């Protein structure tokens, strides 16, 4: 079981309230607020430059948040960073596996960073490899894995310490259609079977199901926060996106 309720078990997996962030004169985020419920898939939808990666960097403490509040499973990311980050698993857009190491060695190194060692690490590595259907690749060097397999391996790594929330930043970037579908299906299976919540940053409409929670982020502001089916009640989601953002056009299946 992945879900780790801990002291914040009754709280949303992620609670963001009134978060703003600047890079000098550039306002990257402006009063961003939304929640990700337990065991849910939340799509953070926006074009490149919308502020998605900045928000991820604030949640993961790569940047310091100076306004508003970010809580993970009830723990304040700024005041209780250790407890908040312990309940967070992250898959960034850029590849993060060591290609010279085997998949098992990559996971063992990451487990050690979380204080998991010995038999516990060996057992947990076997568990997460089975979850992502990579048990047969444990002894393979990471550089020999396909793009889709590497993404699944990174999800396995993010699950090692039993997080309550997974952050995936453009997780399907650079993957072919089959691999993209496999990674998305895996993520949804983890939600359904393991109870982990997911914040899935994307610019691809086809990755969003009608039942998904959608947060539409544009130029650092939340323009919509609702179930996809409710947003697309009277028009396709792409058309709703165009109307709300003023973006002139989108390519098939994705935000331009």
Protein backbone atom coordinates (compact mmCIF):
# COMPACT_ATOMS: atom_id res chain seq x y z
CA UNK A 1 0.00 0.00 0.00
CA UNK A 2 1.52 3.34 -1.10
CA UNK A 3 -0.67 5.73 0.82
CA UNK A 4 1.05 7.12 3.90
CA UNK A 5 -1.51 9.08 5.86
CA UNK A 6 0.78 10.04 8.72
CA UNK A 7 -0.14 12.98 10.90
CA UNK A 8 -1.81 14.74 7.99
CA UNK A 9 -3.97 11.82 6.87
CA UNK A 10 -7.27 13.73 6.90
CA UNK A 11 -5.88 16.70 4.96
CA UNK A 12 -5.85 17.10 1.15
CA UNK A 13 -2.83 15.57 -0.55
CA UNK A 14 -1.90 19.10 -1.66
CA UNK A 15 -3.31 22.45 -0.54
CA UNK A 16 -2.07 25.62 -2.24
CA UNK A 17 -3.47 28.93 -1.02
CA UNK A 18 -2.61 32.43 -2.26
CA UNK A 19 0.81 31.58 -3.70
CA UNK A 20 2.61 34.24 -5.76
CA UNK A 21 6.18 34.29 -7.03
CA UNK A 22 8.37 36.77 -8.90
CA UNK A 23 11.65 36.59 -10.79
CA UNK A 24 12.71 40.21 -10.57
CA UNK A 25 10.19 42.21 -12.58
CA UNK A 26 8.52 39.06 -13.93
CA UNK A 27 5.41 37.87 -12.10
CA UNK A 28 5.60 34.08 -12.58
CA UNK A 29 2.66 33.19 -10.32
CA UNK A 30 -0.16 35.37 -9.05
CA UNK A 31 -2.36 34.34 -6.10
CA UNK A 32 -2.55 30.66 -7.08
CA UNK A 33 -4.96 28.55 -5.02
CA UNK A 34 -6.27 25.00 -5.47
CA UNK A 35 -6.37 21.62 -3.76
CA UNK A 36 -5.60 18.04 -4.80
CA UNK A 37 -7.82 15.58 -2.95
CA UNK A 38 -6.78 12.19 -1.67
CA UNK A 39 -6.60 9.47 -4.30
CA UNK A 40 -7.27 11.82 -7.20
CA UNK A 41 -5.77 12.77 -10.56
CA UNK A 42 -5.35 16.53 -10.97
CA UNK A 43 -4.21 17.84 -14.35
CA UNK A 44 -2.29 21.12 -14.21
CA UNK A 45 -2.98 22.33 -17.74
CA UNK A 46 -1.12 25.17 -19.39
CA UNK A 47 1.13 26.30 -22.22
CA UNK A 48 4.89 26.54 -21.83
CA UNK A 49 5.58 29.52 -19.61
CA UNK A 50 2.26 29.27 -17.78
CA UNK A 51 4.04 28.79 -14.44
CA UNK A 52 3.70 25.02 -14.04
CA UNK A 53 7.39 24.31 -13.45
CA UNK A 54 7.72 27.33 -11.14
CA UNK A 55 4.86 25.97 -9.06
CA UNK A 56 6.47 22.53 -8.92
CA UNK A 57 9.72 24.14 -7.80
CA UNK A 58 7.90 25.88 -4.95
CA UNK A 59 6.12 22.70 -3.87
CA UNK A 60 9.41 20.78 -3.82
CA UNK A 61 11.28 23.62 -2.09
CA UNK A 62 13.71 24.17 -4.96
CA UNK A 63 12.44 27.75 -4.69
CA UNK A 64 11.41 29.38 -1.43
CA UNK A 65 7.79 30.47 -1.30
CA UNK A 66 7.52 33.95 0.17
CA UNK A 67 3.76 34.38 -0.09
CA UNK A 68 0.77 32.18 0.50
CA UNK A 69 0.86 28.64 1.86
CA UNK A 70 1.69 25.22 0.42
CA UNK A 71 0.81 22.11 2.42
CA UNK A 72 1.47 18.47 1.55
CA UNK A 73 -0.73 16.00 3.44
CA UNK A 74 -1.36 18.70 6.04
CA UNK A 75 2.28 19.68 6.55
CA UNK A 76 3.38 23.22 5.74
CA UNK A 77 6.13 23.01 3.10
CA UNK A 78 7.89 26.08 4.48
CA UNK A 79 7.55 25.52 8.22
CA UNK A 80 7.74 21.71 8.16
CA UNK A 81 9.75 20.98 4.99
CA UNK A 82 11.05 17.60 6.15
CA UNK A 83 7.61 16.23 6.89
CA UNK A 84 6.08 17.73 3.75
CA UNK A 85 8.80 16.46 1.41
CA UNK A 86 8.72 13.00 3.00
CA UNK A 87 5.18 12.63 1.66
CA UNK A 88 6.09 13.80 -1.83
CA UNK A 89 7.35 11.83 -4.83
CA UNK A 90 8.60 13.77 -7.86
CA UNK A 91 9.21 12.99 -11.53
CA UNK A 92 10.67 16.01 -13.32
CA UNK A 93 10.60 16.50 -17.08
CA UNK A 94 14.36 15.98 -17.47
CA UNK A 95 15.71 12.44 -17.16
CA UNK A 96 17.28 11.74 -13.77
CA UNK A 97 18.54 8.14 -13.87
CA UNK A 98 22.26 7.34 -13.91
CA UNK A 99 22.69 5.55 -17.22
CA UNK A 100 25.82 3.72 -16.12
CA UNK A 101 24.07 2.05 -13.19
CA UNK A 102 21.56 -0.79 -13.32
CA UNK A 103 17.97 -0.05 -12.53
CA UNK A 104 18.33 -1.83 -9.18
CA UNK A 105 21.45 0.24 -8.35
CA UNK A 106 19.65 3.48 -9.22
CA UNK A 107 16.81 2.58 -6.90
CA UNK A 108 19.13 1.40 -4.12
CA UNK A 109 20.99 4.73 -4.21
CA UNK A 110 17.75 6.69 -4.00
CA UNK A 111 16.45 4.44 -1.21
CA UNK A 112 19.61 5.19 0.78
CA UNK A 113 18.95 8.91 0.41
CA UNK A 114 15.62 8.30 2.14
CA UNK A 115 17.23 6.28 4.90
CA UNK A 116 16.02 2.94 3.54
CA UNK A 117 18.72 0.29 3.58
CA UNK A 118 19.46 -3.40 3.89
CA UNK A 119 16.61 -5.88 3.61
CA UNK A 120 13.99 -3.14 3.75
CA UNK A 121 15.46 -1.48 0.67
CA UNK A 122 15.75 -4.78 -1.21
CA UNK A 123 12.13 -5.65 -0.46
CA UNK A 124 10.84 -2.17 -1.32
CA UNK A 125 12.77 -2.09 -4.61
CA UNK A 126 11.21 -5.40 -5.59
CA UNK A 127 7.77 -4.03 -4.71
CA UNK A 128 8.03 -0.84 -6.77
CA UNK A 129 9.57 -2.63 -9.76
CA UNK A 130 6.60 -4.99 -9.74
CA UNK A 131 4.20 -2.02 -9.50
CA UNK A 132 5.65 -0.47 -12.68
CA UNK A 133 6.08 -3.80 -14.50
CA UNK A 134 9.88 -3.62 -14.64
CA UNK A 135 10.90 -6.57 -12.47
CA UNK A 136 12.59 -8.19 -15.47
CA UNK A 137 14.72 -5.07 -16.05
CA UNK A 138 16.22 -4.81 -12.54
CA UNK A 139 19.71 -5.83 -13.70
CA UNK A 140 19.64 -3.79 -16.91
CA UNK A 141 21.67 -0.61 -17.19
CA UNK A 142 19.39 2.42 -17.19
CA UNK A 143 20.85 3.61 -20.49
CA UNK A 144 19.53 0.49 -22.24
CA UNK A 145 15.91 1.12 -21.24
CA UNK A 146 13.45 2.64 -23.68
CA UNK A 147 12.08 6.10 -23.03
CA UNK A 148 8.84 4.70 -21.65
CA UNK A 149 10.69 2.22 -19.43
CA UNK A 150 12.89 5.01 -18.06
CA UNK A 151 9.80 7.03 -17.18
CA UNK A 152 8.27 4.05 -15.39
CA UNK A 153 11.58 3.52 -13.59
CA UNK A 154 11.53 7.15 -12.43
CA UNK A 155 7.99 6.66 -11.12
CA UNK A 156 9.23 3.56 -9.26
CA UNK A 157 12.00 5.64 -7.74
CA UNK A 158 9.51 8.33 -6.69
CA UNK A 159 7.40 5.68 -4.93
CA UNK A 160 10.21 4.15 -2.85
CA UNK A 161 9.50 6.12 0.33
CA UNK A 162 5.72 5.61 0.10
CA UNK A 163 4.65 9.18 -0.72
CA UNK A 164 1.10 10.43 -0.48
CA UNK A 165 1.41 12.73 -3.50
CA UNK A 166 3.15 12.26 -6.85
CA UNK A 167 4.21 15.31 -8.86
CA UNK A 168 4.78 14.60 -12.55
CA UNK A 169 6.07 17.49 -14.66
CA UNK A 170 5.36 16.80 -18.35
CA UNK A 171 5.98 13.11 -17.66
CA UNK A 172 5.23 12.03 -21.23
CA UNK A 173 7.46 14.60 -22.95
CA UNK A 174 9.51 13.02 -25.71
CA UNK A 175 7.68 9.69 -25.60
CA UNK A 176 5.96 8.00 -28.53
CA UNK A 177 2.21 7.44 -28.43
CA UNK A 178 2.44 3.90 -27.03
CA UNK A 179 4.90 4.83 -24.28
CA UNK A 180 2.86 7.91 -23.42
CA UNK A 181 -0.27 5.81 -23.03
CA UNK A 182 1.59 3.28 -20.86
CA UNK A 183 2.92 5.93 -18.48
CA UNK A 184 -0.50 7.57 -18.17
CA UNK A 185 -2.21 4.21 -17.61
CA UNK A 186 0.34 3.31 -14.94
CA UNK A 187 -0.27 6.57 -13.11
CA UNK A 188 -4.02 6.05 -13.12
CA UNK A 189 -3.59 2.47 -11.90
CA UNK A 190 -1.45 3.66 -8.98
CA UNK A 191 -4.22 6.08 -8.01
CA UNK A 192 -6.93 3.42 -8.24
CA UNK A 193 -5.03 0.56 -6.60
CA UNK A 194 -2.49 2.21 -4.30
CA UNK A 195 -4.29 5.36 -3.17
CA UNK A 196 -1.59 7.81 -4.21
CA UNK A 197 -2.71 11.27 -5.42
CA UNK A 198 -1.23 12.88 -8.53
CA UNK A 199 -0.59 16.39 -9.80
CA UNK A 200 0.07 15.87 -13.51
CA UNK A 201 1.45 18.93 -15.32
CA UNK A 202 0.66 18.74 -19.03
CA UNK A 203 -0.07 20.68 -22.17
CA UNK A 204 -1.80 17.74 -23.89
CA UNK A 205 -5.59 17.64 -23.83
CA UNK A 206 -5.74 13.95 -24.76
CA UNK A 207 -4.18 13.03 -21.41
CA UNK A 208 -7.17 14.43 -19.51
CA UNK A 209 -10.20 12.24 -18.75
CA UNK A 210 -13.70 13.70 -18.16
CA UNK A 211 -13.60 12.74 -14.46
CA UNK A 212 -10.22 14.42 -13.85
CA UNK A 213 -9.81 17.55 -11.78
CA UNK A 214 -8.35 20.28 -14.02
CA UNK A 215 -6.50 23.39 -12.92
CA UNK A 216 -5.98 25.67 -15.91
CA UNK A 217 -2.91 27.83 -15.32
CA UNK A 218 -2.15 30.69 -17.70
CA UNK A 219 0.40 33.46 -17.28
CA UNK A 220 0.76 32.54 -13.63
CA UNK A 221 -2.95 32.69 -12.80
CA UNK A 222 -5.58 30.00 -12.26
CA UNK A 223 -8.32 30.58 -14.85
CA UNK A 224 -10.32 27.44 -14.09
CA UNK A 225 -10.48 24.88 -11.30
CA UNK A 226 -13.10 22.21 -11.95
CA UNK A 227 -13.82 18.71 -13.17
CA UNK A 228 -12.94 18.30 -16.86
CA UNK A 229 -16.47 17.19 -17.72
CA UNK A 230 -17.90 20.32 -16.12
CA UNK A 231 -15.48 22.59 -17.98
CA UNK A 232 -16.30 20.89 -21.27
CA UNK A 233 -20.06 20.70 -20.69
CA UNK A 234 -20.95 23.02 -23.59
CA UNK A 235 -17.80 22.88 -25.72
CA UNK A 236 -14.67 20.74 -26.17
CA UNK A 237 -11.96 21.35 -23.59
CA UNK A 238 -9.67 22.80 -26.26
CA UNK A 239 -12.28 25.40 -27.17
CA UNK A 240 -12.79 26.28 -23.51
CA UNK A 241 -9.04 26.69 -23.17
CA UNK A 242 -8.90 29.02 -26.17
CA UNK A 243 -11.77 31.13 -24.84
CA UNK A 244 -10.34 31.48 -21.34
CA UNK A 245 -6.72 32.11 -22.29
CA UNK A 246 -7.00 34.03 -25.55
CA UNK A 247 -4.43 31.72 -27.14
CA UNK A 248 -5.12 31.86 -30.87
CA UNK A 249 -4.86 28.17 -31.73
CA UNK A 250 -3.84 24.77 -30.47
CA UNK A 251 -2.50 21.77 -32.34
CA UNK A 252 -4.42 18.50 -32.38
CA UNK A 253 -4.61 17.03 -28.92
CA UNK A 254 -2.38 19.56 -27.23
CA UNK A 255 -1.90 23.14 -26.18
CA UNK A 256 0.32 24.91 -28.69
